[in-house]
N, C-alpha and C. Protein backbone atom coordinates (compact mmCIF):
# COMPACT_ATOMS: atom_id res chain seq x y z
N MET A 1 21.73 38.30 9.50
CA MET A 1 22.63 38.52 8.39
C MET A 1 23.65 37.37 8.38
N ARG A 2 23.90 36.86 7.21
CA ARG A 2 24.82 35.72 7.09
C ARG A 2 26.25 36.12 7.44
N PRO A 3 27.01 35.15 7.99
CA PRO A 3 28.38 35.44 8.43
C PRO A 3 29.28 36.00 7.33
N GLU A 4 29.15 35.49 6.11
CA GLU A 4 30.02 35.96 5.04
C GLU A 4 29.73 37.43 4.68
N VAL A 5 28.48 37.85 4.83
CA VAL A 5 28.15 39.26 4.60
C VAL A 5 28.69 40.10 5.76
N GLN A 6 28.51 39.61 6.97
CA GLN A 6 29.03 40.33 8.14
C GLN A 6 30.54 40.53 8.04
N MET A 7 31.25 39.50 7.57
CA MET A 7 32.70 39.60 7.44
C MET A 7 33.09 40.66 6.41
N PHE A 8 32.39 40.65 5.27
CA PHE A 8 32.70 41.64 4.23
C PHE A 8 32.46 43.05 4.76
N VAL A 9 31.33 43.26 5.39
CA VAL A 9 30.98 44.59 5.92
C VAL A 9 31.96 45.00 7.02
N ALA A 10 32.36 44.07 7.86
CA ALA A 10 33.29 44.38 8.96
C ALA A 10 34.64 44.84 8.44
N ASP A 11 35.02 44.39 7.25
CA ASP A 11 36.31 44.80 6.67
C ASP A 11 36.26 46.19 6.07
N GLY A 12 35.08 46.81 6.08
CA GLY A 12 34.96 48.21 5.69
C GLY A 12 34.88 48.43 4.19
N PRO A 13 35.04 49.69 3.79
CA PRO A 13 34.93 50.06 2.38
C PRO A 13 36.00 49.38 1.52
N LEU A 14 35.67 49.23 0.25
CA LEU A 14 36.63 48.69 -0.69
C LEU A 14 37.85 49.61 -0.75
N PRO A 15 39.02 49.03 -0.96
CA PRO A 15 40.22 49.87 -1.07
C PRO A 15 40.24 50.61 -2.41
N ASP A 16 41.13 51.58 -2.51
CA ASP A 16 41.26 52.30 -3.78
C ASP A 16 42.31 51.64 -4.66
N TRP A 17 42.60 52.28 -5.77
CA TRP A 17 43.53 51.70 -6.75
C TRP A 17 44.94 51.51 -6.21
N ASP A 18 45.27 52.16 -5.13
CA ASP A 18 46.61 52.04 -4.55
C ASP A 18 46.77 50.80 -3.67
N ALA A 19 45.71 50.04 -3.49
CA ALA A 19 45.76 48.85 -2.63
C ALA A 19 46.64 47.77 -3.27
N SER A 20 47.12 46.89 -2.42
CA SER A 20 47.94 45.78 -2.93
C SER A 20 47.07 44.79 -3.68
N GLU A 21 47.70 44.05 -4.56
CA GLU A 21 46.98 43.02 -5.31
C GLU A 21 46.35 42.00 -4.37
N ALA A 22 47.06 41.66 -3.30
CA ALA A 22 46.54 40.69 -2.33
C ALA A 22 45.27 41.20 -1.65
N GLU A 23 45.25 42.48 -1.30
CA GLU A 23 44.08 43.05 -0.63
C GLU A 23 42.87 43.05 -1.57
N ILE A 24 43.08 43.41 -2.82
CA ILE A 24 41.99 43.42 -3.80
C ILE A 24 41.49 42.00 -4.04
N GLU A 25 42.39 41.04 -4.17
CA GLU A 25 42.00 39.65 -4.37
C GLU A 25 41.21 39.11 -3.17
N GLU A 26 41.57 39.52 -1.97
CA GLU A 26 40.85 39.09 -0.77
C GLU A 26 39.42 39.60 -0.79
N ARG A 27 39.23 40.87 -1.15
CA ARG A 27 37.88 41.42 -1.21
C ARG A 27 37.06 40.74 -2.30
N GLU A 28 37.70 40.42 -3.44
CA GLU A 28 37.00 39.67 -4.49
C GLU A 28 36.58 38.29 -3.99
N ARG A 29 37.47 37.63 -3.27
CA ARG A 29 37.17 36.31 -2.72
C ARG A 29 36.00 36.39 -1.75
N GLN A 30 36.00 37.41 -0.90
CA GLN A 30 34.91 37.59 0.05
C GLN A 30 33.58 37.79 -0.67
N LEU A 31 33.57 38.59 -1.72
CA LEU A 31 32.33 38.81 -2.47
C LEU A 31 31.85 37.53 -3.14
N ALA A 32 32.77 36.76 -3.69
CA ALA A 32 32.41 35.52 -4.36
C ALA A 32 31.81 34.51 -3.38
N ALA A 33 32.15 34.61 -2.11
CA ALA A 33 31.65 33.68 -1.09
C ALA A 33 30.22 33.99 -0.67
N ILE A 34 29.69 35.13 -1.08
CA ILE A 34 28.32 35.52 -0.71
C ILE A 34 27.37 35.00 -1.78
N SER A 35 26.51 34.06 -1.40
CA SER A 35 25.58 33.49 -2.37
C SER A 35 24.45 34.49 -2.65
N ARG A 36 23.93 34.38 -3.84
CA ARG A 36 22.88 35.26 -4.31
C ARG A 36 21.55 34.53 -4.23
N PRO A 37 20.46 35.22 -3.99
CA PRO A 37 20.32 36.66 -3.77
C PRO A 37 20.65 37.03 -2.33
N VAL A 38 20.89 38.31 -2.12
CA VAL A 38 21.08 38.80 -0.76
C VAL A 38 19.73 39.29 -0.25
N THR A 39 19.61 39.37 1.05
CA THR A 39 18.38 39.89 1.63
C THR A 39 18.41 41.43 1.55
N PRO A 40 17.26 42.06 1.68
CA PRO A 40 17.25 43.52 1.71
C PRO A 40 18.14 44.11 2.81
N LYS A 41 18.14 43.49 3.97
CA LYS A 41 18.98 43.97 5.07
C LYS A 41 20.46 43.83 4.72
N GLU A 42 20.83 42.72 4.10
CA GLU A 42 22.22 42.53 3.67
C GLU A 42 22.60 43.54 2.60
N ALA A 43 21.68 43.81 1.67
CA ALA A 43 21.95 44.80 0.62
C ALA A 43 22.23 46.17 1.23
N ALA A 44 21.45 46.55 2.22
CA ALA A 44 21.66 47.85 2.87
C ALA A 44 23.02 47.90 3.55
N ALA A 45 23.43 46.81 4.19
CA ALA A 45 24.73 46.77 4.85
C ALA A 45 25.86 46.81 3.82
N LEU A 46 25.72 46.04 2.76
CA LEU A 46 26.74 46.01 1.71
C LEU A 46 26.90 47.36 1.03
N ALA A 47 25.82 48.13 0.97
CA ALA A 47 25.86 49.43 0.31
C ALA A 47 26.78 50.41 1.01
N THR A 48 27.16 50.13 2.23
CA THR A 48 28.07 51.02 2.96
C THR A 48 29.53 50.71 2.64
N CYS A 49 29.79 49.73 1.78
CA CYS A 49 31.15 49.24 1.55
C CYS A 49 31.82 49.75 0.28
N PHE A 50 31.23 50.73 -0.38
CA PHE A 50 31.89 51.27 -1.57
C PHE A 50 33.04 52.16 -1.15
N GLY A 51 34.10 52.11 -1.93
CA GLY A 51 35.27 52.94 -1.68
C GLY A 51 35.29 54.14 -2.61
N PRO A 52 36.43 54.81 -2.70
CA PRO A 52 36.52 56.05 -3.47
C PRO A 52 36.57 55.86 -4.99
N ASP A 53 36.84 54.64 -5.47
CA ASP A 53 36.89 54.40 -6.90
C ASP A 53 36.34 53.01 -7.20
N ASP A 54 36.54 52.51 -8.41
CA ASP A 54 35.92 51.22 -8.75
C ASP A 54 36.75 50.01 -8.33
N CYS A 55 37.90 50.24 -7.70
CA CYS A 55 38.73 49.16 -7.15
C CYS A 55 38.94 48.06 -8.20
N TYR A 56 39.38 48.48 -9.39
CA TYR A 56 39.65 47.56 -10.49
C TYR A 56 38.45 46.69 -10.83
N GLY A 57 37.27 47.25 -10.74
CA GLY A 57 36.05 46.54 -11.11
C GLY A 57 35.35 45.83 -9.97
N VAL A 58 35.96 45.76 -8.81
CA VAL A 58 35.34 45.06 -7.68
C VAL A 58 34.06 45.79 -7.24
N ALA A 59 34.05 47.11 -7.38
CA ALA A 59 32.84 47.86 -7.00
C ALA A 59 31.65 47.48 -7.88
N TRP A 60 31.89 47.17 -9.14
CA TRP A 60 30.79 46.73 -10.00
C TRP A 60 30.25 45.38 -9.53
N THR A 61 31.15 44.50 -9.11
CA THR A 61 30.72 43.20 -8.59
C THR A 61 29.86 43.41 -7.35
N LEU A 62 30.29 44.31 -6.47
CA LEU A 62 29.52 44.63 -5.27
C LEU A 62 28.16 45.20 -5.64
N LEU A 63 28.12 46.12 -6.59
CA LEU A 63 26.85 46.70 -7.02
C LEU A 63 25.90 45.63 -7.55
N HIS A 64 26.40 44.75 -8.39
CA HIS A 64 25.55 43.70 -8.95
C HIS A 64 25.06 42.74 -7.87
N LEU A 65 25.89 42.47 -6.88
CA LEU A 65 25.46 41.63 -5.75
C LEU A 65 24.33 42.31 -4.99
N ILE A 66 24.48 43.58 -4.70
CA ILE A 66 23.46 44.33 -3.98
C ILE A 66 22.14 44.30 -4.75
N GLU A 67 22.23 44.39 -6.06
CA GLU A 67 21.02 44.43 -6.88
C GLU A 67 20.27 43.10 -6.94
N THR A 68 20.84 42.04 -6.39
CA THR A 68 20.13 40.76 -6.34
C THR A 68 19.13 40.71 -5.19
N ALA A 69 19.12 41.73 -4.34
CA ALA A 69 18.21 41.75 -3.19
C ALA A 69 16.77 41.61 -3.64
N THR A 70 16.06 40.77 -2.94
CA THR A 70 14.64 40.60 -3.22
C THR A 70 13.85 41.44 -2.24
N GLY A 71 12.78 42.02 -2.69
CA GLY A 71 11.96 42.84 -1.80
C GLY A 71 12.50 44.24 -1.68
N ARG A 72 11.90 44.98 -0.77
CA ARG A 72 12.27 46.38 -0.57
C ARG A 72 13.51 46.48 0.31
N VAL A 73 14.43 47.31 -0.14
CA VAL A 73 15.66 47.54 0.63
C VAL A 73 15.35 48.50 1.76
N PRO A 74 15.71 48.15 2.99
CA PRO A 74 15.44 49.06 4.11
C PRO A 74 16.29 50.31 4.02
N GLN A 75 15.98 51.25 4.86
CA GLN A 75 16.78 52.47 4.91
C GLN A 75 18.24 52.10 5.07
N TRP A 76 19.10 52.70 4.30
CA TRP A 76 20.52 52.41 4.36
C TRP A 76 21.28 53.67 4.69
N GLU A 77 22.42 53.47 5.29
CA GLU A 77 23.24 54.60 5.68
C GLU A 77 24.08 55.02 4.49
N ASP A 78 23.77 56.17 3.95
CA ASP A 78 24.49 56.70 2.80
C ASP A 78 25.93 56.96 3.22
N PRO A 79 26.91 56.36 2.52
CA PRO A 79 28.31 56.53 2.92
C PRO A 79 28.88 57.90 2.62
N GLY A 80 28.15 58.75 1.91
CA GLY A 80 28.59 60.11 1.65
C GLY A 80 29.59 60.22 0.52
N PRO A 81 30.25 61.37 0.40
CA PRO A 81 31.10 61.64 -0.75
C PRO A 81 32.33 60.72 -0.85
N GLU A 82 32.77 60.13 0.24
CA GLU A 82 33.94 59.24 0.17
C GLU A 82 33.64 57.96 -0.62
N ALA A 83 32.38 57.70 -0.89
CA ALA A 83 32.00 56.54 -1.67
C ALA A 83 31.98 56.85 -3.17
N GLY A 84 32.47 58.01 -3.56
CA GLY A 84 32.52 58.35 -4.96
C GLY A 84 31.13 58.35 -5.57
N ASP A 85 31.04 57.84 -6.78
CA ASP A 85 29.77 57.84 -7.51
C ASP A 85 28.87 56.67 -7.14
N TRP A 86 29.38 55.72 -6.37
CA TRP A 86 28.62 54.49 -6.12
C TRP A 86 27.35 54.72 -5.32
N ALA A 87 27.43 55.58 -4.32
CA ALA A 87 26.22 55.88 -3.54
C ALA A 87 25.19 56.56 -4.43
N GLU A 88 25.65 57.39 -5.35
CA GLU A 88 24.73 58.06 -6.27
C GLU A 88 24.04 57.06 -7.19
N VAL A 89 24.78 56.05 -7.65
CA VAL A 89 24.20 55.00 -8.49
C VAL A 89 23.09 54.29 -7.72
N LEU A 90 23.34 53.95 -6.46
CA LEU A 90 22.32 53.28 -5.66
C LEU A 90 21.12 54.18 -5.41
N ARG A 91 21.38 55.44 -5.10
CA ARG A 91 20.27 56.38 -4.88
C ARG A 91 19.38 56.42 -6.13
N ALA A 92 19.99 56.49 -7.29
CA ALA A 92 19.23 56.57 -8.54
C ALA A 92 18.45 55.27 -8.81
N ARG A 93 19.08 54.14 -8.53
CA ARG A 93 18.43 52.85 -8.81
C ARG A 93 17.38 52.50 -7.78
N TRP A 94 17.64 52.82 -6.52
CA TRP A 94 16.67 52.49 -5.47
C TRP A 94 15.57 53.53 -5.37
N GLY A 95 15.86 54.76 -5.78
CA GLY A 95 14.86 55.82 -5.75
C GLY A 95 14.19 55.92 -4.40
N GLY A 96 12.89 55.99 -4.41
CA GLY A 96 12.12 56.12 -3.18
C GLY A 96 11.67 54.79 -2.62
N GLN A 97 12.37 53.70 -2.96
CA GLN A 97 11.93 52.38 -2.53
C GLN A 97 12.45 51.99 -1.16
N HIS A 98 12.83 52.94 -0.36
CA HIS A 98 13.30 52.62 0.99
C HIS A 98 12.10 52.45 1.91
N SER A 99 12.23 51.55 2.83
CA SER A 99 11.23 51.42 3.87
C SER A 99 11.91 51.66 5.20
N PRO A 100 11.20 52.02 6.23
CA PRO A 100 11.84 52.28 7.52
C PRO A 100 12.63 51.06 8.00
N ALA A 101 13.76 51.31 8.60
CA ALA A 101 14.61 50.23 9.09
C ALA A 101 14.00 49.59 10.31
């Protein structure tokens, strides 16, 4: 996994609307540093980074980045209800296309 993806994932889920402007800008900068397409393994890791809301649109950027993955996305760890609707969007889009990790 590329270092810029590892850094984004290590910083955890996206913040919510109460986050500071600086924190949101930092997460946007981190996403912009990840070149497309991402690998299936990177997509699965990035899928764990959704927060409780759309983080002023940053969650959409993350979703579109994840969707650039080529090939089958491996089994991913569903972040559960704290990820709001984002995990549901991925479940619907990825459907049964998971392969064993």
